[in-house]
PDB file of N, CA and C in Angstrom:
ATOM      1  N   UNK A   1     -22.582 -25.252 -27.412  1.00  0.00           N
ATOM      2  CA  UNK A   1     -21.241 -25.372 -27.381  1.00  0.00           C
ATOM      3  C   UNK A   1     -20.087 -25.137 -26.875  1.00  0.00           C
ATOM      4  N   UNK A   2     -19.433 -25.817 -26.630  1.00  0.00           N
ATOM      5  CA  UNK A   2     -18.165 -25.155 -26.057  1.00  0.00           C
ATOM      6  C   UNK A   2     -17.531 -23.914 -26.785  1.00  0.00           C
ATOM      7  N   UNK A   3     -16.838 -23.645 -26.258  1.00  0.00           N
ATOM      8  CA  UNK A   3     -15.842 -21.893 -26.488  1.00  0.00           C
ATOM      9  C   UNK A   3     -14.998 -22.487 -27.763  1.00  0.00           C
ATOM     10  N   UNK A   4     -14.472 -23.817 -28.088  1.00  0.00           N
ATOM     11  CA  UNK A   4     -13.623 -24.212 -28.644  1.00  0.00           C
ATOM     12  C   UNK A   4     -14.456 -24.619 -29.818  1.00  0.00           C
ATOM     13  N   UNK A   5     -15.461 -25.139 -30.074  1.00  0.00           N
ATOM     14  CA  UNK A   5     -16.377 -25.071 -31.081  1.00  0.00           C
ATOM     15  C   UNK A   5     -17.118 -24.053 -31.736  1.00  0.00           C
ATOM     16  N   UNK A   6     -17.236 -23.064 -30.490  1.00  0.00           N
ATOM     17  CA  UNK A   6     -17.817 -21.909 -31.328  1.00  0.00           C
ATOM     18  C   UNK A   6     -16.519 -21.288 -31.969  1.00  0.00           C
ATOM     19  N   UNK A   7     -15.396 -20.973 -31.824  1.00  0.00           N
ATOM     20  CA  UNK A   7     -14.473 -20.505 -32.224  1.00  0.00           C
ATOM     21  C   UNK A   7     -14.209 -21.025 -33.602  1.00  0.00           C
ATOM     22  N   UNK A   8     -14.556 -22.153 -33.694  1.00  0.00           N
ATOM     23  CA  UNK A   8     -13.844 -23.538 -34.736  1.00  0.00           C
ATOM     24  C   UNK A   8     -15.085 -22.946 -36.017  1.00  0.00           C
ATOM     25  N   UNK A   9     -16.655 -22.809 -35.443  1.00  0.00           N
ATOM     26  CA  UNK A   9     -17.391 -22.466 -36.154  1.00  0.00           C
ATOM     27  C   UNK A   9     -17.579 -20.930 -36.820  1.00  0.00           C
ATOM     28  N   UNK A  10     -16.610 -19.843 -35.896  1.00  0.00           N
ATOM     29  CA  UNK A  10     -16.698 -18.576 -36.415  1.00  0.00           C
ATOM     30  C   UNK A  10     -15.401 -18.803 -37.412  1.00  0.00           C
ATOM     31  N   UNK A  11     -14.803 -19.739 -37.261  1.00  0.00           N
ATOM     32  CA  UNK A  11     -13.204 -19.651 -38.291  1.00  0.00           C
ATOM     33  C   UNK A  11     -13.900 -20.476 -39.479  1.00  0.00           C
ATOM     34  N   UNK A  12     -14.488 -21.144 -39.639  1.00  0.00           N
ATOM     35  CA  UNK A  12     -15.070 -21.697 -40.754  1.00  0.00           C
ATOM     36  C   UNK A  12     -16.015 -21.093 -41.397  1.00  0.00           C
ATOM     37  N   UNK A  13     -17.397 -20.024 -40.984  1.00  0.00           N
ATOM     38  CA  UNK A  13     -17.930 -19.404 -41.218  1.00  0.00           C
ATOM     39  C   UNK A  13     -17.188 -18.061 -42.313  1.00  0.00           C
ATOM     40  N   UNK A  14     -15.999 -17.556 -41.340  1.00  0.00           N
ATOM     41  CA  UNK A  14     -15.064 -16.383 -42.275  1.00  0.00           C
ATOM     42  C   UNK A  14     -14.689 -17.298 -43.210  1.00  0.00           C
ATOM     43  N   UNK A  15     -13.907 -18.551 -42.887  1.00  0.00           N
ATOM     44  CA  UNK A  15     -13.205 -18.791 -44.507  1.00  0.00           C
ATOM     45  C   UNK A  15     -14.213 -19.348 -45.386  1.00  0.00           C
ATOM     46  N   UNK A  16     -15.420 -19.304 -45.028  1.00  0.00           N
ATOM     47  CA  UNK A  16     -16.158 -20.044 -46.196  1.00  0.00           C
ATOM     48  C   UNK A  16     -16.602 -18.235 -46.993  1.00  0.00           C
ATOM     49  N   UNK A  17     -16.462 -17.722 -45.925  1.00  0.00           N
ATOM     50  CA  UNK A  17     -17.100 -16.202 -46.620  1.00  0.00           C
ATOM     51  C   UNK A  17     -15.987 -15.951 -47.626  1.00  0.00           C
ATOM     52  N   UNK A  18     -14.558 -15.763 -47.331  1.00  0.00           N
ATOM     53  CA  UNK A  18     -13.608 -15.526 -48.095  1.00  0.00           C
ATOM     54  C   UNK A  18     -13.927 -16.371 -49.423  1.00  0.00           C
ATOM     55  N   UNK A  19     -13.926 -17.548 -48.739  1.00  0.00           N
ATOM     56  CA  UNK A  19     -13.942 -18.425 -49.934  1.00  0.00           C
ATOM     57  C   UNK A  19     -14.925 -18.237 -51.265  1.00  0.00           C
ATOM     58  N   UNK A  20     -15.848 -18.064 -50.794  1.00  0.00           N
ATOM     59  CA  UNK A  20     -16.923 -17.483 -51.661  1.00  0.00           C
ATOM     60  C   UNK A  20     -17.163 -16.216 -52.449  1.00  0.00           C
ATOM     61  N   UNK A  21     -16.136 -15.251 -51.978  1.00  0.00           N
ATOM     62  CA  UNK A  21     -15.766 -14.104 -52.598  1.00  0.00           C
ATOM     63  C   UNK A  21     -14.329 -14.032 -53.611  1.00  0.00           C
ATOM     64  N   UNK A  22     -13.809 -15.363 -53.986  1.00  0.00           N
ATOM     65  CA  UNK A  22     -12.758 -15.593 -54.853  1.00  0.00           C
ATOM     66  C   UNK A  22     -13.836 -15.575 -56.292  1.00  0.00           C
ATOM     67  N   UNK A  23     -12.478 -15.714 -57.052  1.00  0.00           N
ATOM     68  CA  UNK A  23     -13.122 -15.812 -58.628  1.00  0.00           C
ATOM     69  C   UNK A  23     -13.223 -17.011 -58.553  1.00  0.00           C
ATOM     70  N   UNK A  24     -14.176 -17.951 -59.780  1.00  0.00           N
ATOM     71  CA  UNK A  24     -14.521 -19.315 -59.874  1.00  0.00           C
ATOM     72  C   UNK A  24     -13.432 -19.783 -59.958  1.00  0.00           C
ATOM     73  N   UNK A  25     -12.502 -19.455 -60.539  1.00  0.00           N
ATOM     74  CA  UNK A  25     -11.378 -20.111 -61.306  1.00  0.00           C
ATOM     75  C   UNK A  25     -10.141 -20.280 -60.034  1.00  0.00           C
ATOM     76  N   UNK A  26     -10.203 -19.204 -59.279  1.00  0.00           N
ATOM     77  CA  UNK A  26      -9.488 -19.706 -57.650  1.00  0.00           C
ATOM     78  C   UNK A  26     -10.030 -20.400 -56.811  1.00  0.00           C
ATOM     79  N   UNK A  27     -11.176 -20.362 -57.050  1.00  0.00           N
ATOM     80  CA  UNK A  27     -12.259 -21.540 -55.948  1.00  0.00           C
ATOM     81  C   UNK A  27     -11.728 -22.854 -56.532  1.00  0.00           C
ATOM     82  N   UNK A  28     -11.571 -23.146 -57.975  1.00  0.00           N
ATOM     83  CA  UNK A  28     -11.658 -24.200 -58.423  1.00  0.00           C
ATOM     84  C   UNK A  28     -10.334 -25.086 -58.018  1.00  0.00           C
ATOM     85  N   UNK A  29      -9.239 -24.151 -58.297  1.00  0.00           N
ATOM     86  CA  UNK A  29      -7.849 -24.356 -57.915  1.00  0.00           C
ATOM     87  C   UNK A  29      -7.674 -24.747 -56.668  1.00  0.00           C
ATOM     88  N   UNK A  30      -7.646 -24.220 -55.697  1.00  0.00           N
ATOM     89  CA  UNK A  30      -8.422 -24.298 -54.195  1.00  0.00           C
ATOM     90  C   UNK A  30      -8.368 -25.205 -53.619  1.00  0.00           C
ATOM     91  N   UNK A  31      -9.623 -26.094 -54.342  1.00  0.00           N
ATOM     92  CA  UNK A  31     -10.788 -27.237 -54.149  1.00  0.00           C
ATOM     93  C   UNK A  31      -9.543 -28.358 -54.753  1.00  0.00           C
ATOM     94  N   UNK A  32      -8.952 -28.274 -55.815  1.00  0.00           N
ATOM     95  CA  UNK A  32      -8.083 -29.015 -55.914  1.00  0.00           C
ATOM     96  C   UNK A  32      -7.086 -29.142 -55.388  1.00  0.00           C
ATOM     97  N   UNK A  33      -6.268 -28.240 -54.832  1.00  0.00           N
ATOM     98  CA  UNK A  33      -5.257 -28.048 -53.811  1.00  0.00           C
ATOM     99  C   UNK A  33      -5.654 -29.069 -52.355  1.00  0.00           C
ATOM    100  N   UNK A  34      -6.808 -28.613 -52.074  1.00  0.00           N
ATOM    101  CA  UNK A  34      -6.983 -29.349 -50.833  1.00  0.00           C
ATOM    102  C   UNK A  34      -7.256 -30.667 -51.040  1.00  0.00           C
ATOM    103  N   UNK A  35      -7.978 -31.108 -52.122  1.00  0.00           N
ATOM    104  CA  UNK A  35      -8.373 -32.332 -52.447  1.00  0.00           C
ATOM    105  C   UNK A  35      -6.650 -33.274 -52.682  1.00  0.00           C
ATOM    106  N   UNK A  36      -5.806 -32.284 -53.132  1.00  0.00           N
ATOM    107  CA  UNK A  36      -4.672 -33.284 -53.516  1.00  0.00           C
ATOM    108  C   UNK A  36      -4.209 -33.746 -52.150  1.00  0.00           C
ATOM    109  N   UNK A  37      -4.290 -32.372 -51.287  1.00  0.00           N
ATOM    110  CA  UNK A  37      -3.451 -32.642 -49.886  1.00  0.00           C
ATOM    111  C   UNK A  37      -4.249 -33.623 -49.316  1.00  0.00           C
ATOM    112  N   UNK A  38      -5.555 -34.010 -49.309  1.00  0.00           N
ATOM    113  CA  UNK A  38      -6.168 -34.869 -48.543  1.00  0.00           C
ATOM    114  C   UNK A  38      -5.869 -36.498 -48.670  1.00  0.00           C
ATOM    115  N   UNK A  39      -5.811 -36.336 -50.485  1.00  0.00           N
ATOM    116  CA  UNK A  39      -5.192 -38.084 -50.843  1.00  0.00           C
ATOM    117  C   UNK A  39      -4.016 -38.253 -50.803  1.00  0.00           C
ATOM    118  N   UNK A  40      -3.310 -37.240 -50.239  1.00  0.00           N
ATOM    119  CA  UNK A  40      -1.985 -37.335 -49.622  1.00  0.00           C
ATOM    120  C   UNK A  40      -1.315 -37.951 -48.107  1.00  0.00           C
ATOM    121  N   UNK A  41      -2.392 -36.927 -47.293  1.00  0.00           N
ATOM    122  CA  UNK A  41      -2.742 -37.312 -46.074  1.00  0.00           C
ATOM    123  C   UNK A  41      -2.802 -39.135 -45.763  1.00  0.00           C
ATOM    124  N   UNK A  42      -3.935 -39.004 -46.512  1.00  0.00           N
ATOM    125  CA  UNK A  42      -5.018 -40.530 -46.891  1.00  0.00           C
ATOM    126  C   UNK A  42      -3.480 -41.515 -47.344  1.00  0.00           C
ATOM    127  N   UNK A  43      -2.499 -41.559 -47.795  1.00  0.00           N
ATOM    128  CA  UNK A  43      -1.737 -42.512 -48.501  1.00  0.00           C
ATOM    129  C   UNK A  43      -0.831 -42.436 -47.360  1.00  0.00           C
ATOM    130  N   UNK A  44      -0.445 -41.360 -46.568  1.00  0.00           N
ATOM    131  CA  UNK A  44       1.056 -41.628 -45.611  1.00  0.00           C
ATOM    132  C   UNK A  44       0.122 -42.404 -44.526  1.00  0.00           C
ATOM    133  N   UNK A  45      -0.962 -42.346 -44.056  1.00  0.00           N
ATOM    134  CA  UNK A  45      -1.913 -42.829 -42.749  1.00  0.00           C
ATOM    135  C   UNK A  45      -1.858 -44.289 -43.226  1.00  0.00           C
ATOM    136  N   UNK A  46      -2.476 -44.785 -44.236  1.00  0.00           N
ATOM    137  CA  UNK A  46      -2.309 -46.067 -44.961  1.00  0.00           C
ATOM    138  C   UNK A  46      -1.096 -46.585 -44.947  1.00  0.00           C
ATOM    139  N   UNK A  47       0.122 -46.186 -45.565  1.00  0.00           N
ATOM    140  CA  UNK A  47       1.508 -46.648 -45.268  1.00  0.00           C
ATOM    141  C   UNK A  47       1.807 -46.519 -43.517  1.00  0.00           C
ATOM    142  N   UNK A  48       1.732 -45.474 -42.800  1.00  0.00           N
ATOM    143  CA  UNK A  48       2.476 -45.520 -41.451  1.00  0.00           C
ATOM    144  C   UNK A  48       1.656 -46.381 -40.413  1.00  0.00           C
ATOM    145  N   UNK A  49       0.696 -46.949 -41.318  1.00  0.00           N
ATOM    146  CA  UNK A  49      -0.330 -47.611 -40.543  1.00  0.00           C
ATOM    147  C   UNK A  49       0.387 -49.082 -40.759  1.00  0.00           C
ATOM    148  N   UNK A  50       1.413 -49.639 -41.733  1.00  0.00           N
ATOM    149  CA  UNK A  50       1.340 -50.909 -42.244  1.00  0.00           C
ATOM    150  C   UNK A  50       2.743 -50.800 -41.127  1.00  0.00           C
ATOM    151  N   UNK A  51       2.911 -52.789 -41.045  1.00  0.00           N
ATOM    152  CA  UNK A  51       4.653 -52.983 -40.243  1.00  0.00           C
ATOM    153  C   UNK A  51       5.616 -52.458 -41.296  1.00  0.00           C
ATOM    154  N   UNK A  52       6.779 -52.541 -41.259  1.00  0.00           N
ATOM    155  CA  UNK A  52       7.574 -51.743 -41.762  1.00  0.00           C
ATOM    156  C   UNK A  52       8.099 -52.599 -42.984  1.00  0.00           C
ATOM    157  N   UNK A  53       8.253 -54.188 -42.545  1.00  0.00           N
ATOM    158  CA  UNK A  53       8.755 -54.879 -43.441  1.00  0.00           C
ATOM    159  C   UNK A  53       7.409 -54.734 -44.845  1.00  0.00           C
ATOM    160  N   UNK A  54       6.031 -54.998 -44.579  1.00  0.00           N
ATOM    161  CA  UNK A  54       5.247 -54.740 -45.365  1.00  0.00           C
ATOM    162  C   UNK A  54       5.182 -52.921 -46.806  1.00  0.00           C
ATOM    163  N   UNK A  55       5.641 -52.315 -45.772  1.00  0.00           N
ATOM    164  CA  UNK A  55       5.772 -50.849 -46.369  1.00  0.00           C
ATOM    165  C   UNK A  55       6.875 -51.010 -47.401  1.00  0.00           C
ATOM    166  N   UNK A  56       8.188 -51.903 -46.966  1.00  0.00           N
ATOM    167  CA  UNK A  56       9.149 -51.672 -47.818  1.00  0.00           C
ATOM    168  C   UNK A  56       8.900 -52.587 -48.999  1.00  0.00           C
ATOM    169  N   UNK A  57       7.913 -53.375 -48.986  1.00  0.00           N
ATOM    170  CA  UNK A  57       7.868 -54.369 -50.057  1.00  0.00           C
ATOM    171  C   UNK A  57       7.148 -53.887 -50.967  1.00  0.00           C
ATOM    172  N   UNK A  58       6.183 -52.988 -50.389  1.00  0.00           N
ATOM    173  CA  UNK A  58       5.135 -52.218 -51.146  1.00  0.00           C
ATOM    174  C   UNK A  58       6.003 -51.299 -52.172  1.00  0.00           C
ATOM    175  N   UNK A  59       6.931 -50.313 -51.397  1.00  0.00           N
ATOM    176  CA  UNK A  59       7.762 -49.579 -51.999  1.00  0.00           C
ATOM    177  C   UNK A  59       8.650 -50.077 -53.074  1.00  0.00           C
ATOM    178  N   UNK A  60       9.349 -51.345 -52.586  1.00  0.00           N
ATOM    179  CA  UNK A  60       9.803 -51.631 -53.494  1.00  0.00           C
ATOM    180  C   UNK A  60       9.473 -52.096 -54.894  1.00  0.00           C
ATOM    181  N   UNK A  61       7.971 -53.065 -54.629  1.00  0.00           N
ATOM    182  CA  UNK A  61       6.936 -52.846 -55.835  1.00  0.00           C
ATOM    183  C   UNK A  61       6.839 -51.660 -56.510  1.00  0.00           C
ATOM    184  N   UNK A  62       6.344 -50.661 -56.413  1.00  0.00           N
ATOM    185  CA  UNK A  62       6.282 -49.897 -56.929  1.00  0.00           C
ATOM    186  C   UNK A  62       7.003 -48.520 -57.322  1.00  0.00           C
ATOM    187  N   UNK A  63       8.517 -48.985 -56.777  1.00  0.00           N
ATOM    188  CA  UNK A  63       9.442 -48.536 -57.122  1.00  0.00           C
ATOM    189  C   UNK A  63       9.813 -46.894 -56.708  1.00  0.00           C
ATOM    190  N   UNK A  64       9.230 -46.739 -55.529  1.00  0.00           N
ATOM    191  CA  UNK A  64       9.249 -45.591 -55.055  1.00  0.00           C
ATOM    192  C   UNK A  64      11.074 -45.363 -54.079  1.00  0.00           C
ATOM    193  N   UNK A  65      11.288 -44.279 -54.186  1.00  0.00           N
ATOM    194  CA  UNK A  65      12.802 -43.948 -53.509  1.00  0.00           C
ATOM    195  C   UNK A  65      12.806 -44.186 -52.010  1.00  0.00           C
ATOM    196  N   UNK A  66      13.573 -44.785 -51.364  1.00  0.00           N
ATOM    197  CA  UNK A  66      13.961 -45.285 -50.117  1.00  0.00           C
ATOM    198  C   UNK A  66      13.976 -43.877 -49.180  1.00  0.00           C
ATOM    199  N   UNK A  67      14.134 -42.644 -49.337  1.00  0.00           N
ATOM    200  CA  UNK A  67      13.999 -41.845 -48.521  1.00  0.00           C
ATOM    201  C   UNK A  67      13.075 -41.072 -48.283  1.00  0.00           C
ATOM    202  N   UNK A  68      11.710 -41.790 -49.086  1.00  0.00           N
ATOM    203  CA  UNK A  68      10.478 -41.318 -48.979  1.00  0.00           C
ATOM    204  C   UNK A  68       9.916 -42.290 -47.762  1.00  0.00           C
ATOM    205  N   UNK A  69      10.543 -43.288 -48.244  1.00  0.00           N
ATOM    206  CA  UNK A  69       9.759 -44.742 -47.474  1.00  0.00           C
ATOM    207  C   UNK A  69      10.080 -44.172 -45.851  1.00  0.00           C
ATOM    208  N   UNK A  70      11.492 -43.606 -45.313  1.00  0.00           N
ATOM    209  CA  UNK A  70      12.037 -43.135 -44.317  1.00  0.00           C
ATOM    210  C   UNK A  70      11.710 -41.910 -43.552  1.00  0.00           C
ATOM    211  N   UNK A  71      11.008 -41.516 -44.264  1.00  0.00           N
ATOM    212  CA  UNK A  71      10.321 -39.597 -44.106  1.00  0.00           C
ATOM    213  C   UNK A  71       8.650 -40.137 -43.153  1.00  0.00           C
ATOM    214  N   UNK A  72       8.281 -41.470 -43.672  1.00  0.00           N
ATOM    215  CA  UNK A  72       7.169 -42.282 -42.808  1.00  0.00           C
ATOM    216  C   UNK A  72       6.979 -42.268 -41.511  1.00  0.00           C
ATOM    217  N   UNK A  73       6.323 -41.686 -40.781  1.00  0.00           N
ATOM    218  CA  UNK A  73       6.141 -42.287 -39.171  1.00  0.00           C
ATOM    219  C   UNK A  73       6.487 -43.953 -39.105  1.00  0.00           C
ATOM    220  N   UNK A  74       6.705 -44.366 -38.225  1.00  0.00           N
ATOM    221  CA  UNK A  74       6.533 -45.825 -37.838  1.00  0.00           C
ATOM    222  C   UNK A  74       5.490 -45.501 -37.343  1.00  0.00           C
ATOM    223  N   UNK A  75       5.090 -47.279 -37.338  1.00  0.00           N
ATOM    224  CA  UNK A  75       3.224 -47.799 -37.285  1.00  0.00           C
ATOM    225  C   UNK A  75       3.360 -47.067 -35.255  1.00  0.00           C
ATOM    226  N   UNK A  76       2.156 -46.067 -35.229  1.00  0.00           N
ATOM    227  CA  UNK A  76       2.080 -46.039 -34.035  1.00  0.00           C
ATOM    228  C   UNK A  76       0.946 -47.337 -33.596  1.00  0.00           C
ATOM    229  N   UNK A  77       1.147 -47.365 -32.510  1.00  0.00           N
ATOM    230  CA  UNK A  77       0.393 -48.292 -30.917  1.00  0.00           C
ATOM    231  C   UNK A  77      -0.716 -47.642 -30.888  1.00  0.00           C
ATOM    232  N   UNK A  78      -1.818 -47.822 -31.821  1.00  0.00           N
ATOM    233  CA  UNK A  78      -3.097 -47.401 -32.063  1.00  0.00           C
ATOM    234  C   UNK A  78      -3.247 -46.048 -31.725  1.00  0.00           C
ATOM    235  N   UNK A  79      -2.373 -45.170 -31.922  1.00  0.00           N
ATOM    236  CA  UNK A  79      -2.598 -43.658 -32.022  1.00  0.00           C
ATOM    237  C   UNK A  79      -3.165 -43.040 -33.549  1.00  0.00           C
ATOM    238  N   UNK A  80      -3.989 -42.481 -33.953  1.00  0.00           N
ATOM    239  CA  UNK A  80      -4.978 -42.300 -34.834  1.00  0.00           C
ATOM    240  C   UNK A  80      -4.825 -40.804 -35.402  1.00  0.00           C
ATOM    241  N   UNK A  81      -3.768 -40.255 -34.603  1.00  0.00           N
ATOM    242  CA  UNK A  81      -3.746 -38.221 -34.840  1.00  0.00           C
ATOM    243  C   UNK A  81      -3.354 -37.832 -36.025  1.00  0.00           C
ATOM    244  N   UNK A  82      -3.347 -36.243 -35.874  1.00  0.00           N
ATOM    245  CA  UNK A  82      -2.695 -36.209 -37.322  1.00  0.00           C
ATOM    246  C   UNK A  82      -1.293 -36.946 -38.034  1.00  0.00           C
ATOM    247  N   UNK A  83      -1.055 -36.746 -39.059  1.00  0.00           N
ATOM    248  CA  UNK A  83       0.168 -37.173 -39.713  1.00  0.00           C
ATOM    249  C   UNK A  83       0.964 -35.715 -40.259  1.00  0.00           C
ATOM    250  N   UNK A  84       1.978 -35.395 -40.000  1.00  0.00           N
ATOM    251  CA  UNK A  84       2.928 -34.608 -40.777  1.00  0.00           C
ATOM    252  C   UNK A  84       3.097 -34.839 -42.072  1.00  0.00           C
ATOM    253  N   UNK A  85       2.731 -34.271 -43.034  1.00  0.00           N
ATOM    254  CA  UNK A  85       3.373 -34.141 -44.390  1.00  0.00           C
ATOM    255  C   UNK A  85       3.652 -32.922 -44.770  1.00  0.00           C
ATOM    256  N   UNK A  86       5.162 -33.334 -45.251  1.00  0.00           N
ATOM    257  CA  UNK A  86       5.763 -32.296 -46.112  1.00  0.00           C
ATOM    258  C   UNK A  86       5.866 -32.566 -47.242  1.00  0.00           C
ATOM    259  N   UNK A  87       4.977 -31.512 -48.323  1.00  0.00           N
ATOM    260  CA  UNK A  87       4.507 -31.564 -49.897  1.00  0.00           C
ATOM    261  C   UNK A  87       6.038 -31.431 -50.255  1.00  0.00           C
ATOM    262  N   UNK A  88       6.312 -31.909 -51.351  1.00  0.00           N
ATOM    263  CA  UNK A  88       7.657 -31.703 -52.305  1.00  0.00           C
ATOM    264  C   UNK A  88       7.281 -32.484 -53.519  1.00  0.00           C
ATOM    265  N   UNK A  89       7.431 -31.746 -54.670  1.00  0.00           N
ATOM    266  CA  UNK A  89       7.455 -32.399 -55.853  1.00  0.00           C
ATOM    267  C   UNK A  89       8.389 -33.546 -56.027  1.00  0.00           C
ATOM    268  N   UNK A  90       7.681 -34.656 -56.686  1.00  0.00           N
ATOM    269  CA  UNK A  90       8.810 -36.109 -56.728  1.00  0.00           C
ATOM    270  C   UNK A  90       9.551 -35.840 -58.137  1.00  0.00           C
ATOM    271  N   UNK A  91      10.495 -35.936 -57.989  1.00  0.00           N
ATOM    272  CA  UNK A  91      11.394 -35.767 -59.279  1.00  0.00           C
ATOM    273  C   UNK A  91      11.759 -37.306 -59.573  1.00  0.00           C
ATOM    274  N   UNK A  92      11.280 -37.872 -60.691  1.00  0.00           N
ATOM    275  CA  UNK A  92      10.805 -39.559 -60.775  1.00  0.00           C
ATOM    276  C   UNK A  92      12.618 -39.817 -61.417  1.00  0.00           C
ATOM    277  N   UNK A  93      13.319 -38.248 -62.138  1.00  0.00           N
ATOM    278  CA  UNK A  93      14.735 -38.894 -62.476  1.00  0.00           C
ATOM    279  C   UNK A  93      15.883 -39.486 -61.046  1.00  0.00           C
ATOM    280  N   UNK A  94      15.395 -39.132 -60.297  1.00  0.00           N
ATOM    281  CA  UNK A  94      16.182 -39.417 -59.510  1.00  0.00           C
ATOM    282  C   UNK A  94      16.107 -40.624 -58.535  1.00  0.00           C
ATOM    283  N   UNK A  95      15.248 -41.559 -58.720  1.00  0.00           N
ATOM    284  CA  UNK A  95      14.421 -42.455 -57.899  1.00  0.00           C
ATOM    285  C   UNK A  95      15.176 -44.192 -58.790  1.00  0.00           C
ATOM    286  N   UNK A  96      16.106 -43.984 -59.568  1.00  0.00           N
ATOM    287  CA  UNK A  96      16.709 -45.281 -60.560  1.00  0.00           C
ATOM    288  C   UNK A  96      17.850 -45.435 -59.663  1.00  0.00           C
TER     289      UNK A  96
END
């Protein structure tokens, strides 16, 4: 294993020990947060892979605000790196 892989394994092991020491309720809440974040990132990746016009059409059909559309990066040419996601609660009263 490389040094980076060993460092990651060490960090994962440390995180798992910390996680297992948490109260069950805290574990459940943390798992929910991580799962929600993962779903959000999947949606952002899907949107960012779409051509801009298709993205606009989907946002229009779903009634999503344009400011959300503007925060999604443009389609990359074959890049599949991490997508920067800023979590904000959506105020549906502002979408009209």
